[in-house]
Amino acid sequence: MTESMAVNPNLEVHKELNLKGKVCPYTFIETMLTLEEMKGEEILRVIVDYPPAACDVPRSLKNEGYEILDVAKINETDWAIIVKNTGVDKIA
């Protein structure tokens, strides 16, 4: 994994969700609920410390139609998942 925000260090993160201490599937569920509350095209940064979540959350979000911008190990225990809200769950 890469250094945090390796994709674009100037990327504006609109909201951060700290899920340290939580395990799957709660990491994915809480991320989805947060994205559903956000506007389309906004960026969410999710912090997890449960190793499987660093792989499972991005994969599940991608399957739901969200754009994963970066997944990076940011220290010895934590990962940052950067996801763009594509508005896939919004009802027009």
PDB file of N, CA and C in Angstrom:
ATOM      1  N   MET A   1       0.846  -1.170   0.000  1.00  0.00           N
ATOM      2  CA  MET A   1       0.000   0.000   0.000  1.00  0.00           C
ATOM      3  C   MET A   1       0.893   1.236   0.000  1.00  0.00           C
ATOM      4  N   THR A   2       0.316   2.349  -0.338  1.00  0.00           N
ATOM      5  CA  THR A   2       1.102   3.551  -0.529  1.00  0.00           C
ATOM      6  C   THR A   2       0.903   4.535   0.605  1.00  0.00           C
ATOM      7  N   GLU A   3       1.679   5.613   0.549  1.00  0.00           N
ATOM      8  CA  GLU A   3       1.511   6.683   1.521  1.00  0.00           C
ATOM      9  C   GLU A   3       0.136   7.320   1.337  1.00  0.00           C
ATOM     10  N   SER A   4      -0.456   7.772   2.423  1.00  0.00           N
ATOM     11  CA  SER A   4      -1.792   8.363   2.393  1.00  0.00           C
ATOM     12  C   SER A   4      -1.893   9.458   1.344  1.00  0.00           C
ATOM     13  N   MET A   5      -2.982   9.463   0.638  1.00  0.00           N
ATOM     14  CA  MET A   5      -3.312  10.464  -0.370  1.00  0.00           C
ATOM     15  C   MET A   5      -2.304  10.483  -1.522  1.00  0.00           C
ATOM     16  N   ALA A   6      -1.731   9.338  -1.847  1.00  0.00           N
ATOM     17  CA  ALA A   6      -0.762   9.254  -2.923  1.00  0.00           C
ATOM     18  C   ALA A   6      -1.379   9.615  -4.262  1.00  0.00           C
ATOM     19  N   VAL A   7      -2.685   9.416  -4.406  1.00  0.00           N
ATOM     20  CA  VAL A   7      -3.357   9.715  -5.666  1.00  0.00           C
ATOM     21  C   VAL A   7      -3.279  11.203  -5.977  1.00  0.00           C
ATOM     22  N   ASN A   8      -3.617  12.032  -5.017  1.00  0.00           N
ATOM     23  CA  ASN A   8      -3.606  13.476  -5.206  1.00  0.00           C
ATOM     24  C   ASN A   8      -3.555  14.146  -3.838  1.00  0.00           C
ATOM     25  N   PRO A   9      -2.386  14.647  -3.456  1.00  0.00           N
ATOM     26  CA  PRO A   9      -2.264  15.241  -2.128  1.00  0.00           C
ATOM     27  C   PRO A   9      -3.103  16.504  -1.947  1.00  0.00           C
ATOM     28  N   ASN A  10      -3.559  17.102  -3.036  1.00  0.00           N
ATOM     29  CA  ASN A  10      -4.376  18.314  -2.959  1.00  0.00           C
ATOM     30  C   ASN A  10      -5.874  18.017  -2.991  1.00  0.00           C
ATOM     31  N   LEU A  11      -6.228  16.754  -2.978  1.00  0.00           N
ATOM     32  CA  LEU A  11      -7.622  16.346  -3.034  1.00  0.00           C
ATOM     33  C   LEU A  11      -8.374  16.839  -1.802  1.00  0.00           C
ATOM     34  N   GLU A  12      -9.517  17.459  -2.013  1.00  0.00           N
ATOM     35  CA  GLU A  12     -10.308  17.968  -0.900  1.00  0.00           C
ATOM     36  C   GLU A  12     -11.187  16.862  -0.334  1.00  0.00           C
ATOM     37  N   VAL A  13     -10.946  16.523   0.926  1.00  0.00           N
ATOM     38  CA  VAL A  13     -11.761  15.529   1.619  1.00  0.00           C
ATOM     39  C   VAL A  13     -12.881  16.277   2.324  1.00  0.00           C
ATOM     40  N   HIS A  14     -14.130  15.913   2.023  1.00  0.00           N
ATOM     41  CA  HIS A  14     -15.292  16.604   2.578  1.00  0.00           C
ATOM     42  C   HIS A  14     -15.694  16.098   3.953  1.00  0.00           C
ATOM     43  N   LYS A  15     -15.387  14.828   4.222  1.00  0.00           N
ATOM     44  CA  LYS A  15     -15.780  14.245   5.507  1.00  0.00           C
ATOM     45  C   LYS A  15     -14.821  13.117   5.848  1.00  0.00           C
ATOM     46  N   GLU A  16     -14.568  12.926   7.148  1.00  0.00           N
ATOM     47  CA  GLU A  16     -13.733  11.818   7.599  1.00  0.00           C
ATOM     48  C   GLU A  16     -14.535  10.973   8.570  1.00  0.00           C
ATOM     49  N   LEU A  17     -14.411   9.664   8.411  1.00  0.00           N
ATOM     50  CA  LEU A  17     -15.123   8.710   9.244  1.00  0.00           C
ATOM     51  C   LEU A  17     -14.094   7.827   9.938  1.00  0.00           C
ATOM     52  N   ASN A  18     -14.020   7.915  11.261  1.00  0.00           N
ATOM     53  CA  ASN A  18     -13.064   7.131  12.031  1.00  0.00           C
ATOM     54  C   ASN A  18     -13.750   5.857  12.519  1.00  0.00           C
ATOM     55  N   LEU A  19     -13.348   4.734  11.952  1.00  0.00           N
ATOM     56  CA  LEU A  19     -13.941   3.444  12.320  1.00  0.00           C
ATOM     57  C   LEU A  19     -12.949   2.551  13.053  1.00  0.00           C
ATOM     58  N   LYS A  20     -11.961   3.162  13.689  1.00  0.00           N
ATOM     59  CA  LYS A  20     -11.001   2.386  14.470  1.00  0.00           C
ATOM     60  C   LYS A  20     -11.734   1.672  15.595  1.00  0.00           C
ATOM     61  N   GLY A  21     -11.388   0.404  15.781  1.00  0.00           N
ATOM     62  CA  GLY A  21     -12.027  -0.400  16.812  1.00  0.00           C
ATOM     63  C   GLY A  21     -13.256  -1.146  16.318  1.00  0.00           C
ATOM     64  N   LYS A  22     -13.666  -0.907  15.067  1.00  0.00           N
ATOM     65  CA  LYS A  22     -14.839  -1.590  14.504  1.00  0.00           C
ATOM     66  C   LYS A  22     -14.375  -2.646  13.512  1.00  0.00           C
ATOM     67  N   VAL A  23     -15.180  -3.691  13.380  1.00  0.00           N
ATOM     68  CA  VAL A  23     -14.844  -4.799  12.488  1.00  0.00           C
ATOM     69  C   VAL A  23     -15.932  -4.950  11.415  1.00  0.00           C
ATOM     70  N   CYS A  24     -15.603  -5.743  10.407  1.00  0.00           N
ATOM     71  CA  CYS A  24     -16.567  -6.039   9.350  1.00  0.00           C
ATOM     72  C   CYS A  24     -17.713  -6.852   9.941  1.00  0.00           C
ATOM     73  N   PRO A  25     -18.929  -6.684   9.512  1.00  0.00           N
ATOM     74  CA  PRO A  25     -19.373  -5.851   8.399  1.00  0.00           C
ATOM     75  C   PRO A  25     -19.698  -4.406   8.802  1.00  0.00           C
ATOM     76  N   TYR A  26     -19.501  -4.066  10.077  1.00  0.00           N
ATOM     77  CA  TYR A  26     -19.885  -2.732  10.529  1.00  0.00           C
ATOM     78  C   TYR A  26     -19.102  -1.625   9.839  1.00  0.00           C
ATOM     79  N   THR A  27     -17.836  -1.910   9.489  1.00  0.00           N
ATOM     80  CA  THR A  27     -17.045  -0.896   8.792  1.00  0.00           C
ATOM     81  C   THR A  27     -17.689  -0.541   7.449  1.00  0.00           C
ATOM     82  N   PHE A  28     -18.143  -1.554   6.723  1.00  0.00           N
ATOM     83  CA  PHE A  28     -18.792  -1.316   5.435  1.00  0.00           C
ATOM     84  C   PHE A  28     -20.152  -0.647   5.616  1.00  0.00           C
ATOM     85  N   ILE A  29     -20.936  -1.131   6.555  1.00  0.00           N
ATOM     86  CA  ILE A  29     -22.289  -0.576   6.769  1.00  0.00           C
ATOM     87  C   ILE A  29     -22.211   0.901   7.148  1.00  0.00           C
ATOM     88  N   GLU A  30     -21.337   1.238   8.087  1.00  0.00           N
ATOM     89  CA  GLU A  30     -21.233   2.637   8.510  1.00  0.00           C
ATOM     90  C   GLU A  30     -20.698   3.527   7.388  1.00  0.00           C
ATOM     91  N   THR A  31     -19.795   2.992   6.584  1.00  0.00           N
ATOM     92  CA  THR A  31     -19.291   3.754   5.439  1.00  0.00           C
ATOM     93  C   THR A  31     -20.419   4.016   4.447  1.00  0.00           C
ATOM     94  N   MET A  32     -21.201   2.992   4.147  1.00  0.00           N
ATOM     95  CA  MET A  32     -22.331   3.162   3.219  1.00  0.00           C
ATOM     96  C   MET A  32     -23.339   4.188   3.743  1.00  0.00           C
ATOM     97  N   LEU A  33     -23.675   4.109   5.022  1.00  0.00           N
ATOM     98  CA  LEU A  33     -24.635   5.056   5.596  1.00  0.00           C
ATOM     99  C   LEU A  33     -24.110   6.486   5.513  1.00  0.00           C
ATOM    100  N   THR A  34     -22.824   6.667   5.744  1.00  0.00           N
ATOM    101  CA  THR A  34     -22.227   8.004   5.647  1.00  0.00           C
ATOM    102  C   THR A  34     -22.261   8.508   4.218  1.00  0.00           C
ATOM    103  N   LEU A  35     -21.910   7.659   3.261  1.00  0.00           N
ATOM    104  CA  LEU A  35     -21.933   8.060   1.847  1.00  0.00           C
ATOM    105  C   LEU A  35     -23.343   8.433   1.405  1.00  0.00           C
ATOM    106  N   GLU A  36     -24.338   7.725   1.887  1.00  0.00           N
ATOM    107  CA  GLU A  36     -25.719   8.019   1.509  1.00  0.00           C
ATOM    108  C   GLU A  36     -26.159   9.401   1.994  1.00  0.00           C
ATOM    109  N   GLU A  37     -25.540   9.901   3.055  1.00  0.00           N
ATOM    110  CA  GLU A  37     -25.866  11.225   3.578  1.00  0.00           C
ATOM    111  C   GLU A  37     -25.109  12.345   2.871  1.00  0.00           C
ATOM    112  N   MET A  38     -24.080  11.980   2.128  1.00  0.00           N
ATOM    113  CA  MET A  38     -23.243  12.978   1.470  1.00  0.00           C
ATOM    114  C   MET A  38     -23.770  13.309   0.080  1.00  0.00           C
ATOM    115  N   LYS A  39     -23.353  14.462  -0.437  1.00  0.00           N
ATOM    116  CA  LYS A  39     -23.715  14.881  -1.788  1.00  0.00           C
ATOM    117  C   LYS A  39     -22.872  14.117  -2.798  1.00  0.00           C
ATOM    118  N   GLY A  40     -23.387  14.011  -4.013  1.00  0.00           N
ATOM    119  CA  GLY A  40     -22.648  13.385  -5.094  1.00  0.00           C
ATOM    120  C   GLY A  40     -21.341  14.109  -5.349  1.00  0.00           C
ATOM    121  N   GLU A  41     -20.316  13.360  -5.709  1.00  0.00           N
ATOM    122  CA  GLU A  41     -18.987  13.860  -6.029  1.00  0.00           C
ATOM    123  C   GLU A  41     -18.179  14.267  -4.796  1.00  0.00           C
ATOM    124  N   GLU A  42     -18.744  14.194  -3.582  1.00  0.00           N
ATOM    125  CA  GLU A  42     -17.970  14.514  -2.385  1.00  0.00           C
ATOM    126  C   GLU A  42     -17.037  13.351  -2.051  1.00  0.00           C
ATOM    127  N   ILE A  43     -15.953  13.678  -1.338  1.00  0.00           N
ATOM    128  CA  ILE A  43     -14.918  12.705  -1.011  1.00  0.00           C
ATOM    129  C   ILE A  43     -14.989  12.369   0.473  1.00  0.00           C
ATOM    130  N   LEU A  44     -14.967  11.066   0.777  1.00  0.00           N
ATOM    131  CA  LEU A  44     -14.975  10.566   2.149  1.00  0.00           C
ATOM    132  C   LEU A  44     -13.657   9.862   2.430  1.00  0.00           C
ATOM    133  N   ARG A  45     -13.068  10.170   3.582  1.00  0.00           N
ATOM    134  CA  ARG A  45     -11.868   9.481   4.042  1.00  0.00           C
ATOM    135  C   ARG A  45     -12.275   8.614   5.224  1.00  0.00           C
ATOM    136  N   VAL A  46     -12.081   7.312   5.089  1.00  0.00           N
ATOM    137  CA  VAL A  46     -12.446   6.347   6.127  1.00  0.00           C
ATOM    138  C   VAL A  46     -11.163   5.801   6.748  1.00  0.00           C
ATOM    139  N   ILE A  47     -11.077   5.862   8.078  1.00  0.00           N
ATOM    140  CA  ILE A  47      -9.916   5.328   8.789  1.00  0.00           C
ATOM    141  C   ILE A  47     -10.329   4.022   9.467  1.00  0.00           C
ATOM    142  N   VAL A  48      -9.596   2.952   9.176  1.00  0.00           N
ATOM    143  CA  VAL A  48      -9.857   1.644   9.787  1.00  0.00           C
ATOM    144  C   VAL A  48      -8.574   1.090  10.381  1.00  0.00           C
ATOM    145  N   ASP A  49      -8.716   0.248  11.411  1.00  0.00           N
ATOM    146  CA  ASP A  49      -7.552  -0.422  11.989  1.00  0.00           C
ATOM    147  C   ASP A  49      -7.725  -1.947  11.998  1.00  0.00           C
ATOM    148  N   TYR A  50      -8.759  -2.413  11.359  1.00  0.00           N
ATOM    149  CA  TYR A  50      -9.029  -3.849  11.245  1.00  0.00           C
ATOM    150  C   TYR A  50      -8.525  -4.280   9.866  1.00  0.00           C
ATOM    151  N   PRO A  51      -7.417  -5.034   9.788  1.00  0.00           N
ATOM    152  CA  PRO A  51      -6.792  -5.341   8.501  1.00  0.00           C
ATOM    153  C   PRO A  51      -7.738  -5.842   7.403  1.00  0.00           C
ATOM    154  N   PRO A  52      -8.665  -6.775   7.686  1.00  0.00           N
ATOM    155  CA  PRO A  52      -9.560  -7.202   6.603  1.00  0.00           C
ATOM    156  C   PRO A  52     -10.408  -6.061   6.028  1.00  0.00           C
ATOM    157  N   ALA A  53     -10.721  -5.064   6.852  1.00  0.00           N
ATOM    158  CA  ALA A  53     -11.530  -3.942   6.366  1.00  0.00           C
ATOM    159  C   ALA A  53     -10.794  -3.135   5.305  1.00  0.00           C
ATOM    160  N   ALA A  54      -9.473  -3.090   5.377  1.00  0.00           N
ATOM    161  CA  ALA A  54      -8.692  -2.338   4.393  1.00  0.00           C
ATOM    162  C   ALA A  54      -8.840  -2.931   2.994  1.00  0.00           C
ATOM    163  N   CYS A  55      -9.166  -4.212   2.916  1.00  0.00           N
ATOM    164  CA  CYS A  55      -9.409  -4.874   1.620  1.00  0.00           C
ATOM    165  C   CYS A  55     -10.900  -4.997   1.320  1.00  0.00           C
ATOM    166  N   ASP A  56     -11.668  -5.396   2.328  1.00  0.00           N
ATOM    167  CA  ASP A  56     -13.087  -5.687   2.115  1.00  0.00           C
ATOM    168  C   ASP A  56     -13.938  -4.450   1.860  1.00  0.00           C
ATOM    169  N   VAL A  57     -13.699  -3.369   2.609  1.00  0.00           N
ATOM    170  CA  VAL A  57     -14.520  -2.164   2.434  1.00  0.00           C
ATOM    171  C   VAL A  57     -14.354  -1.579   1.022  1.00  0.00           C
ATOM    172  N   PRO A  58     -13.122  -1.367   0.537  1.00  0.00           N
ATOM    173  CA  PRO A  58     -12.998  -0.835  -0.831  1.00  0.00           C
ATOM    174  C   PRO A  58     -13.622  -1.743  -1.893  1.00  0.00           C
ATOM    175  N   ARG A  59     -13.427  -3.046  -1.745  1.00  0.00           N
ATOM    176  CA  ARG A  59     -13.991  -3.985  -2.719  1.00  0.00           C
ATOM    177  C   ARG A  59     -15.519  -3.915  -2.717  1.00  0.00           C
ATOM    178  N   SER A  60     -16.110  -3.900  -1.530  1.00  0.00           N
ATOM    179  CA  SER A  60     -17.568  -3.840  -1.429  1.00  0.00           C
ATOM    180  C   SER A  60     -18.111  -2.510  -1.947  1.00  0.00           C
ATOM    181  N   LEU A  61     -17.421  -1.410  -1.631  1.00  0.00           N
ATOM    182  CA  LEU A  61     -17.868  -0.100  -2.130  1.00  0.00           C
ATOM    183  C   LEU A  61     -17.796  -0.038  -3.651  1.00  0.00           C
ATOM    184  N   LYS A  62     -16.729  -0.584  -4.218  1.00  0.00           N
ATOM    185  CA  LYS A  62     -16.596  -0.614  -5.680  1.00  0.00           C
ATOM    186  C   LYS A  62     -17.734  -1.427  -6.297  1.00  0.00           C
ATOM    187  N   ASN A  63     -18.081  -2.548  -5.674  1.00  0.00           N
ATOM    188  CA  ASN A  63     -19.192  -3.372  -6.164  1.00  0.00           C
ATOM    189  C   ASN A  63     -20.515  -2.619  -6.113  1.00  0.00           C
ATOM    190  N   GLU A  64     -20.628  -1.645  -5.195  1.00  0.00           N
ATOM    191  CA  GLU A  64     -21.842  -0.836  -5.073  1.00  0.00           C
ATOM    192  C   GLU A  64     -21.828   0.361  -6.011  1.00  0.00           C
ATOM    193  N   GLY A  65     -20.739   0.555  -6.735  1.00  0.00           N
ATOM    194  CA  GLY A  65     -20.665   1.627  -7.721  1.00  0.00           C
ATOM    195  C   GLY A  65     -19.916   2.870  -7.282  1.00  0.00           C
ATOM    196  N   TYR A  66     -19.294   2.845  -6.105  1.00  0.00           N
ATOM    197  CA  TYR A  66     -18.512   3.987  -5.637  1.00  0.00           C
ATOM    198  C   TYR A  66     -17.108   3.928  -6.232  1.00  0.00           C
ATOM    199  N   GLU A  67     -16.469   5.091  -6.325  1.00  0.00           N
ATOM    200  CA  GLU A  67     -15.128   5.174  -6.892  1.00  0.00           C
ATOM    201  C   GLU A  67     -14.098   5.213  -5.767  1.00  0.00           C
ATOM    202  N   ILE A  68     -13.221   4.227  -5.736  1.00  0.00           N
ATOM    203  CA  ILE A  68     -12.156   4.178  -4.739  1.00  0.00           C
ATOM    204  C   ILE A  68     -10.963   4.943  -5.309  1.00  0.00           C
ATOM    205  N   LEU A  69     -10.574   6.007  -4.605  1.00  0.00           N
ATOM    206  CA  LEU A  69      -9.472   6.841  -5.072  1.00  0.00           C
ATOM    207  C   LEU A  69      -8.129   6.400  -4.509  1.00  0.00           C
ATOM    208  N   ASP A  70      -8.133   5.844  -3.299  1.00  0.00           N
ATOM    209  CA  ASP A  70      -6.876   5.440  -2.677  1.00  0.00           C
ATOM    210  C   ASP A  70      -7.159   4.548  -1.472  1.00  0.00           C
ATOM    211  N   VAL A  71      -6.268   3.613  -1.244  1.00  0.00           N
ATOM    212  CA  VAL A  71      -6.241   2.827  -0.009  1.00  0.00           C
ATOM    213  C   VAL A  71      -4.784   2.827   0.418  1.00  0.00           C
ATOM    214  N   ALA A  72      -4.512   3.375   1.609  1.00  0.00           N
ATOM    215  CA  ALA A  72      -3.127   3.532   2.024  1.00  0.00           C
ATOM    216  C   ALA A  72      -2.949   3.206   3.495  1.00  0.00           C
ATOM    217  N   LYS A  73      -1.864   2.523   3.797  1.00  0.00           N
ATOM    218  CA  LYS A  73      -1.504   2.299   5.197  1.00  0.00           C
ATOM    219  C   LYS A  73      -0.877   3.593   5.686  1.00  0.00           C
ATOM    220  N   ILE A  74      -1.447   4.174   6.738  1.00  0.00           N
ATOM    221  CA  ILE A  74      -0.985   5.490   7.178  1.00  0.00           C
ATOM    222  C   ILE A  74      -0.086   5.423   8.414  1.00  0.00           C
ATOM    223  N   ASN A  75      -0.076   4.295   9.106  1.00  0.00           N
ATOM    224  CA  ASN A  75       0.852   4.068  10.213  1.00  0.00           C
ATOM    225  C   ASN A  75       0.883   2.565  10.496  1.00  0.00           C
ATOM    226  N   GLU A  76       1.430   2.177  11.630  1.00  0.00           N
ATOM    227  CA  GLU A  76       1.583   0.744  11.932  1.00  0.00           C
ATOM    228  C   GLU A  76       0.263  -0.008  12.037  1.00  0.00           C
ATOM    229  N   THR A  77      -0.824   0.681  12.378  1.00  0.00           N
ATOM    230  CA  THR A  77      -2.086  -0.020  12.645  1.00  0.00           C
ATOM    231  C   THR A  77      -3.264   0.442  11.795  1.00  0.00           C
ATOM    232  N   ASP A  78      -3.144   1.568  11.102  1.00  0.00           N
ATOM    233  CA  ASP A  78      -4.303   2.179  10.457  1.00  0.00           C
ATOM    234  C   ASP A  78      -4.163   2.298   8.944  1.00  0.00           C
ATOM    235  N   TRP A  79      -5.319   2.248   8.280  1.00  0.00           N
ATOM    236  CA  TRP A  79      -5.402   2.467   6.845  1.00  0.00           C
ATOM    237  C   TRP A  79      -6.388   3.598   6.582  1.00  0.00           C
ATOM    238  N   ALA A  80      -6.148   4.318   5.499  1.00  0.00           N
ATOM    239  CA  ALA A  80      -7.093   5.330   5.035  1.00  0.00           C
ATOM    240  C   ALA A  80      -7.669   4.850   3.712  1.00  0.00           C
ATOM    241  N   ILE A  81      -8.980   4.885   3.621  1.00  0.00           N
ATOM    242  CA  ILE A  81      -9.680   4.535   2.383  1.00  0.00           C
ATOM    243  C   ILE A  81     -10.313   5.837   1.891  1.00  0.00           C
ATOM    244  N   ILE A  82      -9.957   6.254   0.688  1.00  0.00           N
ATOM    245  CA  ILE A  82     -10.494   7.482   0.117  1.00  0.00           C
ATOM    246  C   ILE A  82     -11.495   7.079  -0.958  1.00  0.00           C
ATOM    247  N   VAL A  83     -12.742   7.507  -0.787  1.00  0.00           N
ATOM    248  CA  VAL A  83     -13.809   7.098  -1.702  1.00  0.00           C
ATOM    249  C   VAL A  83     -14.586   8.320  -2.177  1.00  0.00           C
ATOM    250  N   LYS A  84     -14.908   8.307  -3.449  1.00  0.00           N
ATOM    251  CA  LYS A  84     -15.705   9.380  -4.051  1.00  0.00           C
ATOM    252  C   LYS A  84     -17.154   8.936  -4.124  1.00  0.00           C
ATOM    253  N   ASN A  85     -18.021   9.776  -3.593  1.00  0.00           N
ATOM    254  CA  ASN A  85     -19.448   9.480  -3.639  1.00  0.00           C
ATOM    255  C   ASN A  85     -19.935   9.739  -5.057  1.00  0.00           C
ATOM    256  N   THR A  86     -20.344   8.696  -5.722  1.00  0.00           N
ATOM    257  CA  THR A  86     -20.832   8.826  -7.090  1.00  0.00           C
ATOM    258  C   THR A  86     -22.336   9.056  -7.137  1.00  0.00           C
ATOM    259  N   GLY A  87     -22.970   9.067  -5.955  1.00  0.00           N
ATOM    260  CA  GLY A  87     -24.406   9.293  -5.916  1.00  0.00           C
ATOM    261  C   GLY A  87     -25.214   8.102  -6.386  1.00  0.00           C
ATOM    262  N   VAL A  88     -24.606   6.913  -6.387  1.00  0.00           N
ATOM    263  CA  VAL A  88     -25.293   5.733  -6.918  1.00  0.00           C
ATOM    264  C   VAL A  88     -26.537   5.349  -6.157  1.00  0.00           C
ATOM    265  N   ASP A  89     -26.604   5.681  -4.867  1.00  0.00           N
ATOM    266  CA  ASP A  89     -27.761   5.294  -4.073  1.00  0.00           C
ATOM    267  C   ASP A  89     -28.811   6.395  -3.969  1.00  0.00           C
ATOM    268  N   LYS A  90     -28.573   7.490  -4.665  1.00  0.00           N
ATOM    269  CA  LYS A  90     -29.521   8.610  -4.597  1.00  0.00           C
ATOM    270  C   LYS A  90     -30.713   8.354  -5.503  1.00  0.00           C
ATOM    271  N   ILE A  91     -31.878   8.695  -5.030  1.00  0.00           N
ATOM    272  CA  ILE A  91     -33.097   8.576  -5.839  1.00  0.00           C
ATOM    273  C   ILE A  91     -33.378   9.933  -6.463  1.00  0.00           C
ATOM    274  N   ALA A  92     -33.490   9.956  -7.775  1.00  0.00           N
ATOM    275  CA  ALA A  92     -33.683  11.226  -8.485  1.00  0.00           C
ATOM    276  C   ALA A  92     -35.087  11.756  -8.282  1.00  0.00           C
TER     277      ALA A  92
END
